[in-house]
Amino acid sequence: MDALMSFALAFLQASVTSVVAAGVLLAVLAGVRRRWPGVASQRLVWLLAMAAAAGSFMLALWPAPATLRVLPSIEVSRPAVVDETADVAFAGADEGGLALEHTPAPRWLLGAAAVWLLCYGGGLALAVVRLRRGQVALKGLVTSALPLDARALALHPAFGNGAGKTPAVLESAAPISPMLAGLVQPVLLLPRHLRTFDPHQQRLIVAHELAHWQRRDHLWLHASLLLQTVFWFNPALKALAGGLSHAQELGCDRHVLAHRPVAARRDYAAALVAQLKVQQGANLGLAAPFGGSGAAALGERIRQLRLADLGGSTRLAGAGKAALGACCAAVVG
């Protein structure tokens, strides 16, 4: 029983530590973004922040020296040893003669730790169910979509003169956003209404999704989903995951529009707005890799398109990475 309660206390402490660490990192990133806006499009920054938040949980849960903990450790009180001679000679002293002070956990804290452990288990089960439902819905879209062979791709306006090297391409009648679906063997899922867009806009949209594929963004998004499921109780980590998703979109925007004329940026912005309207009109609750997660995210992406460097200044982003790296080291260490 003591072992179980000790684990419950350690788990409670680790949970609080991860929430505090993620909150601190989120606040630091907010300040860094105001000073260096280019940081918003750097996925490594958000990945480091999420890894540091998860790492703080593991360090707090894993048996380690107290210096590695963000919060002070609390021990479960143990029954006193019935040895009057030993109590008189050694009470309150270690081998070096230094006084030892143990802080027994109060009953209310033990109860809170036990309740939290039960709540976490229930919350984790619900988070897994939500994740599974999303996977089933996405699988349904992929299953019902029509595969496009080489001949169909050659006739599709979005692929221009040739498809080149691409993952398998499917076309769906659902009012969804163009997206890269899957983990091990991702497929490019395109909505049929994309054909109603201007051909140049279609090519830009497909180039954006292929940039996700080339950058292996789907791997990091699945890792982010896993962390959000495990740390379902941590709102700051969820916000960091949102920052990662937004950074991936900005990075692909920059990849597609680099060395293109200003007119291409206008067409790209118009495609973003048109896609968002289709999604809102359909009241679709799925995540939309191209259209964004809402008007606020779309507005930020369009503002980045107006910048000469598309919001990707290497020097400023490097300074932001250095600042965040120092903060991660301080939080974990």
Protein backbone atom coordinates (compact mmCIF):
# COMPACT_ATOMS: atom_id res chain seq x y z
CA MET A 1 0.00 0.00 0.00
CA ASP A 2 2.87 2.36 0.82
CA ALA A 3 4.38 1.70 -2.61
CA LEU A 4 1.08 2.50 -4.35
CA MET A 5 0.59 5.72 -2.40
CA SER A 6 4.20 6.71 -3.03
CA PHE A 7 3.61 6.25 -6.76
CA ALA A 8 0.36 8.22 -6.57
CA LEU A 9 2.16 11.10 -4.85
CA ALA A 10 5.01 10.98 -7.37
CA PHE A 11 2.52 10.91 -10.23
CA LEU A 12 0.66 13.91 -8.85
CA GLN A 13 3.92 15.80 -8.46
CA ALA A 14 5.02 14.87 -11.99
CA SER A 15 1.67 16.00 -13.42
CA VAL A 16 1.88 19.38 -11.70
CA THR A 17 5.51 19.71 -12.79
CA SER A 18 4.64 19.12 -16.45
CA VAL A 19 1.80 21.65 -16.34
CA VAL A 20 4.07 24.27 -14.76
CA ALA A 21 6.90 23.53 -17.21
CA ALA A 22 4.63 23.70 -20.27
CA GLY A 23 3.08 26.92 -18.99
CA VAL A 24 6.50 28.52 -18.48
CA LEU A 25 7.66 27.46 -21.94
CA LEU A 26 4.45 28.74 -23.52
CA ALA A 27 4.89 32.11 -21.81
CA VAL A 28 8.53 32.29 -22.90
CA LEU A 29 7.57 31.50 -26.47
CA ALA A 30 4.92 34.21 -26.42
CA GLY A 31 7.59 36.73 -25.44
CA VAL A 32 10.10 35.36 -27.95
CA ARG A 33 7.53 35.57 -30.75
CA ARG A 34 6.90 39.23 -30.00
CA ARG A 35 10.63 39.92 -30.26
CA TRP A 36 11.40 37.49 -33.10
CA PRO A 37 8.23 36.73 -35.14
CA GLY A 38 10.14 34.28 -37.33
CA VAL A 39 10.17 31.80 -34.46
CA ALA A 40 6.48 31.06 -35.09
CA SER A 41 7.35 29.20 -38.30
CA GLN A 42 10.18 27.10 -36.80
CA ARG A 43 8.83 23.65 -35.98
CA LEU A 44 12.00 22.71 -34.09
CA VAL A 45 11.22 25.37 -31.50
CA TRP A 46 7.81 23.88 -30.73
CA LEU A 47 9.14 20.33 -30.81
CA LEU A 48 11.80 21.25 -28.25
CA ALA A 49 9.20 22.89 -26.03
CA MET A 50 6.91 19.86 -26.13
CA ALA A 51 9.82 17.50 -25.50
CA ALA A 52 10.93 19.59 -22.51
CA ALA A 53 7.41 19.56 -21.03
CA ALA A 54 7.19 15.77 -21.43
CA GLY A 55 10.74 15.38 -20.13
CA SER A 56 9.95 17.34 -16.99
CA PHE A 57 7.16 14.86 -16.26
CA MET A 58 9.51 11.90 -16.66
CA LEU A 59 12.24 13.47 -14.53
CA ALA A 60 9.77 14.23 -11.76
CA LEU A 61 8.33 10.71 -11.88
CA TRP A 62 11.62 8.86 -12.22
CA PRO A 63 13.63 8.36 -9.01
CA ALA A 64 16.26 11.08 -9.13
CA PRO A 65 18.06 13.57 -6.89
CA ALA A 66 15.85 16.34 -5.59
CA THR A 67 17.90 18.90 -7.51
CA LEU A 68 16.34 17.63 -10.74
CA ARG A 69 12.80 18.28 -9.57
CA VAL A 70 10.82 21.42 -10.25
CA LEU A 71 8.71 20.85 -7.12
CA PRO A 72 9.97 19.54 -3.75
CA SER A 73 9.49 15.85 -3.10
CA ILE A 74 6.97 14.60 -0.55
CA GLU A 75 7.29 11.29 1.22
CA VAL A 76 4.67 8.99 2.66
CA SER A 77 5.05 8.86 6.42
CA ARG A 78 6.21 5.50 7.75
CA PRO A 79 5.56 3.93 11.16
CA ALA A 80 8.28 4.65 13.67
CA VAL A 81 10.70 1.79 14.37
CA VAL A 82 10.27 0.42 17.87
CA ASP A 83 13.86 0.62 19.06
CA GLU A 84 14.28 3.01 21.94
CA THR A 85 18.06 2.65 22.03
CA ALA A 86 18.37 3.44 18.34
CA ASP A 87 15.92 6.32 18.72
CA VAL A 88 18.01 7.86 21.47
CA ALA A 89 21.34 7.38 19.71
CA PHE A 90 20.45 8.07 16.10
CA ALA A 91 17.11 9.87 15.95
CA GLY A 92 17.20 12.60 13.35
CA ALA A 93 20.77 11.93 12.20
CA ASP A 94 22.36 10.22 9.22
CA GLU A 95 25.75 8.49 9.04
CA GLY A 96 27.56 11.79 8.85
CA GLY A 97 25.78 13.18 11.86
CA LEU A 98 23.62 15.57 9.80
CA ALA A 99 20.02 16.01 10.86
CA LEU A 100 17.44 14.50 8.52
CA GLU A 101 14.02 16.03 8.20
CA HIS A 102 11.27 14.01 6.57
CA THR A 103 8.05 15.72 5.59
CA PRO A 104 5.18 13.26 5.95
CA ALA A 105 2.39 13.78 3.46
CA PRO A 106 -0.86 14.97 5.03
CA ARG A 107 -3.91 12.78 4.67
CA TRP A 108 -5.68 15.21 2.36
CA LEU A 109 -2.71 15.14 -0.03
CA LEU A 110 -2.67 11.34 -0.03
CA GLY A 111 -6.38 11.36 -0.82
CA ALA A 112 -5.90 13.94 -3.58
CA ALA A 113 -3.10 11.88 -5.12
CA ALA A 114 -5.25 8.74 -5.13
CA VAL A 115 -8.20 10.60 -6.66
CA TRP A 116 -5.96 12.17 -9.31
CA LEU A 117 -4.55 8.78 -10.28
CA LEU A 118 -8.08 7.48 -10.82
CA CYS A 119 -9.10 10.61 -12.72
CA TYR A 120 -6.05 10.36 -14.95
CA GLY A 121 -6.91 6.79 -15.86
CA GLY A 122 -10.46 7.79 -16.79
CA GLY A 123 -9.30 10.84 -18.72
CA LEU A 124 -6.71 8.81 -20.60
CA ALA A 125 -9.37 6.28 -21.59
CA LEU A 126 -11.59 9.08 -22.94
CA ALA A 127 -8.65 10.64 -24.80
CA VAL A 128 -7.83 7.30 -26.42
CA VAL A 129 -11.48 6.90 -27.44
CA ARG A 130 -11.49 10.37 -29.04
CA LEU A 131 -8.25 9.61 -30.87
CA ARG A 132 -9.64 6.31 -32.09
CA ARG A 133 -12.83 7.97 -33.32
CA GLY A 134 -10.78 10.45 -35.32
CA GLN A 135 -8.75 7.63 -36.83
CA VAL A 136 -11.90 5.73 -37.76
CA ALA A 137 -13.42 8.84 -39.37
CA LEU A 138 -10.25 9.49 -41.35
CA LYS A 139 -10.06 5.85 -42.41
CA GLY A 140 -13.66 6.10 -43.61
CA LEU A 141 -12.76 9.10 -45.77
CA VAL A 142 -9.77 7.28 -47.23
CA THR A 143 -11.77 4.10 -47.87
CA SER A 144 -14.60 5.95 -49.63
CA ALA A 145 -12.25 8.09 -51.73
CA LEU A 146 -11.47 7.31 -55.36
CA PRO A 147 -7.82 6.47 -56.15
CA LEU A 148 -6.32 8.49 -59.00
CA ASP A 149 -4.03 6.54 -61.30
CA ALA A 150 -1.29 8.03 -63.49
CA ARG A 151 -3.73 8.83 -66.30
CA ALA A 152 -6.21 10.53 -63.95
CA LEU A 153 -3.40 12.56 -62.39
CA ALA A 154 -2.21 13.68 -65.80
CA LEU A 155 -5.70 15.05 -66.49
CA HIS A 156 -6.07 16.69 -63.06
CA PRO A 157 -5.47 20.47 -63.24
CA ALA A 158 -3.68 20.45 -59.88
CA PHE A 159 -0.78 18.40 -61.21
CA GLY A 160 -0.07 20.45 -64.32
CA ASN A 161 2.14 18.69 -66.84
CA GLY A 162 3.00 15.81 -64.55
CA ALA A 163 2.57 14.49 -61.06
CA GLY A 164 6.24 13.69 -60.44
CA LYS A 165 7.07 11.76 -57.28
CA THR A 166 4.03 11.75 -55.01
CA PRO A 167 2.36 9.47 -52.49
CA ALA A 168 -0.83 7.72 -53.53
CA VAL A 169 -3.47 10.32 -54.43
CA LEU A 170 -7.15 9.88 -53.55
CA GLU A 171 -10.12 12.10 -54.33
CA SER A 172 -13.08 12.47 -51.94
CA ALA A 173 -16.53 13.94 -52.44
CA ALA A 174 -16.58 15.13 -48.80
CA PRO A 175 -16.10 18.89 -48.17
CA ILE A 176 -12.72 18.41 -46.52
CA SER A 177 -9.41 20.18 -46.72
CA PRO A 178 -6.58 18.74 -48.81
CA MET A 179 -4.54 16.68 -46.38
CA LEU A 180 -1.81 14.12 -45.95
CA ALA A 181 -3.40 11.13 -44.21
CA GLY A 182 -1.62 8.19 -42.62
CA LEU A 183 1.59 7.47 -40.76
CA VAL A 184 3.70 4.72 -42.35
CA GLN A 185 2.41 5.08 -45.91
CA PRO A 186 0.62 8.44 -46.08
CA VAL A 187 -1.75 9.24 -48.91
CA LEU A 188 -2.66 12.60 -50.40
CA LEU A 189 -6.41 13.10 -49.90
CA LEU A 190 -7.92 15.77 -52.15
CA PRO A 191 -11.52 17.04 -52.10
CA ARG A 192 -13.40 16.91 -55.39
CA HIS A 193 -14.39 20.56 -55.03
CA LEU A 194 -10.72 21.46 -55.46
CA ARG A 195 -11.29 21.14 -59.22
CA THR A 196 -13.51 24.24 -59.09
CA PHE A 197 -10.56 26.40 -57.99
CA ASP A 198 -8.32 28.24 -60.41
CA PRO A 199 -5.76 25.78 -61.89
CA HIS A 200 -2.86 27.83 -60.57
CA GLN A 201 -4.39 27.79 -57.08
CA GLN A 202 -4.86 24.03 -57.34
CA ARG A 203 -1.19 23.53 -58.16
CA LEU A 204 -0.14 25.71 -55.22
CA ILE A 205 -2.37 23.77 -52.83
CA VAL A 206 -1.03 20.40 -53.98
CA ALA A 207 2.53 21.74 -53.75
CA HIS A 208 1.79 22.71 -50.14
CA GLU A 209 0.63 19.20 -49.23
CA LEU A 210 3.58 17.63 -51.03
CA ALA A 211 5.85 19.89 -48.99
CA HIS A 212 4.34 18.32 -45.85
CA TRP A 213 5.19 14.91 -47.28
CA GLN A 214 8.75 15.88 -48.21
CA ARG A 215 9.37 17.44 -44.77
CA ARG A 216 7.92 14.36 -42.99
CA ASP A 217 5.51 16.59 -41.10
CA HIS A 218 3.05 13.73 -40.67
CA LEU A 219 5.51 11.95 -38.38
CA TRP A 220 5.77 14.92 -36.04
CA LEU A 221 2.02 15.47 -36.08
CA HIS A 222 1.41 11.88 -34.98
CA ALA A 223 4.00 12.29 -32.23
CA SER A 224 2.19 15.45 -31.18
CA LEU A 225 -1.14 13.59 -31.09
CA LEU A 226 0.41 10.91 -28.91
CA LEU A 227 1.73 13.47 -26.43
CA GLN A 228 -1.63 15.26 -26.35
CA THR A 229 -3.33 11.95 -25.60
CA VAL A 230 -0.95 11.01 -22.78
CA PHE A 231 -0.95 14.54 -21.33
CA TRP A 232 -4.65 15.20 -21.90
CA PHE A 233 -4.77 17.20 -18.66
CA ASN A 234 -2.14 19.74 -19.77
CA PRO A 235 -3.71 22.69 -21.65
CA ALA A 236 -0.35 24.41 -22.13
CA LEU A 237 1.05 21.37 -23.92
CA LYS A 238 -2.01 21.35 -26.17
CA ALA A 239 -1.29 24.99 -27.00
CA LEU A 240 2.32 24.06 -27.81
CA ALA A 241 1.01 21.34 -30.13
CA GLY A 242 -1.15 23.95 -31.83
CA GLY A 243 1.95 26.08 -32.28
CA LEU A 244 3.74 23.12 -33.88
CA SER A 245 0.89 22.55 -36.32
CA HIS A 246 0.81 26.24 -37.21
CA ALA A 247 4.59 26.30 -37.67
CA GLN A 248 4.35 23.38 -40.08
CA GLU A 249 1.76 25.23 -42.14
CA LEU A 250 3.87 28.40 -42.21
CA GLY A 251 6.95 26.40 -43.15
CA CYS A 252 5.17 24.77 -46.09
CA ASP A 253 3.74 28.13 -47.17
CA ARG A 254 7.27 29.50 -47.26
CA HIS A 255 8.57 26.41 -49.08
CA VAL A 256 5.93 26.68 -51.81
CA LEU A 257 6.09 30.45 -52.35
CA ALA A 258 9.85 30.91 -52.20
CA HIS A 259 11.13 32.54 -55.42
CA ARG A 260 7.59 32.94 -56.75
CA PRO A 261 6.15 36.29 -57.87
CA VAL A 262 3.84 38.40 -55.73
CA ALA A 263 0.86 37.32 -57.86
CA ALA A 264 1.38 33.75 -56.66
CA ARG A 265 1.06 34.92 -53.06
CA ARG A 266 -2.25 36.59 -53.87
CA ASP A 267 -3.56 33.43 -55.51
CA TYR A 268 -2.38 31.41 -52.54
CA ALA A 269 -4.15 33.69 -50.05
CA ALA A 270 -7.34 33.51 -52.13
CA ALA A 271 -7.14 29.71 -52.10
CA LEU A 272 -6.79 29.72 -48.30
CA VAL A 273 -9.92 31.85 -47.92
CA ALA A 274 -11.90 29.81 -50.44
CA GLN A 275 -10.99 26.53 -48.74
CA LEU A 276 -11.94 27.83 -45.31
CA LYS A 277 -15.33 28.96 -46.62
CA VAL A 278 -16.04 25.48 -47.97
CA GLN A 279 -15.14 23.87 -44.65
CA GLN A 280 -17.21 26.32 -42.60
CA GLY A 281 -20.15 25.91 -44.93
CA ALA A 282 -20.00 22.15 -44.42
CA ASN A 283 -19.58 22.52 -40.64
CA LEU A 284 -16.83 19.93 -40.71
CA GLY A 285 -15.13 19.33 -37.39
CA LEU A 286 -11.99 17.66 -38.72
CA ALA A 287 -8.54 19.22 -38.61
CA ALA A 288 -7.69 20.94 -41.89
CA PRO A 289 -4.00 20.94 -42.80
CA PHE A 290 -4.33 23.38 -45.70
CA GLY A 291 -7.33 25.50 -44.76
CA GLY A 292 -6.13 25.99 -41.20
CA SER A 293 -7.93 25.51 -37.90
CA GLY A 294 -9.92 28.73 -38.05
CA ALA A 295 -10.06 32.35 -39.09
CA ALA A 296 -7.39 33.43 -36.60
CA ALA A 297 -4.81 30.94 -37.91
CA LEU A 298 -5.71 31.82 -41.48
CA GLY A 299 -5.28 35.53 -40.77
CA GLU A 300 -1.83 34.90 -39.32
CA ARG A 301 -0.79 32.93 -42.39
CA ILE A 302 -2.00 35.65 -44.73
CA ARG A 303 -0.07 38.26 -42.71
CA GLN A 304 3.06 36.15 -43.10
CA LEU A 305 2.50 36.05 -46.87
CA ARG A 306 2.78 39.85 -46.97
CA LEU A 307 6.28 39.84 -45.48
CA ALA A 308 9.26 39.99 -47.82
CA ASP A 309 10.87 36.91 -46.24
CA LEU A 310 7.51 35.18 -45.62
CA GLY A 311 8.20 35.40 -41.89
CA GLY A 312 11.18 33.07 -42.04
CA SER A 313 14.16 35.21 -41.06
CA THR A 314 16.94 32.71 -40.30
CA ARG A 315 18.91 35.02 -38.04
CA LEU A 316 15.97 35.99 -35.86
CA ALA A 317 14.65 32.43 -35.76
CA GLY A 318 18.10 31.22 -34.70
CA ALA A 319 18.15 33.70 -31.84
CA GLY A 320 14.72 32.52 -30.78
CA LYS A 321 15.87 28.88 -30.82
CA ALA A 322 18.84 29.76 -28.62
CA ALA A 323 16.59 31.56 -26.13
CA LEU A 324 14.16 28.64 -26.00
CA GLY A 325 17.00 26.12 -25.68
CA ALA A 326 18.31 27.95 -22.63
CA CYS A 327 14.80 28.02 -21.14
CA CYS A 328 14.32 24.27 -21.78
CA ALA A 329 17.60 23.52 -20.05
CA ALA A 330 16.56 25.64 -17.07
CA VAL A 331 13.14 23.94 -16.82
CA VAL A 332 14.45 20.38 -17.11
CA GLY A 333 17.68 20.91 -15.17
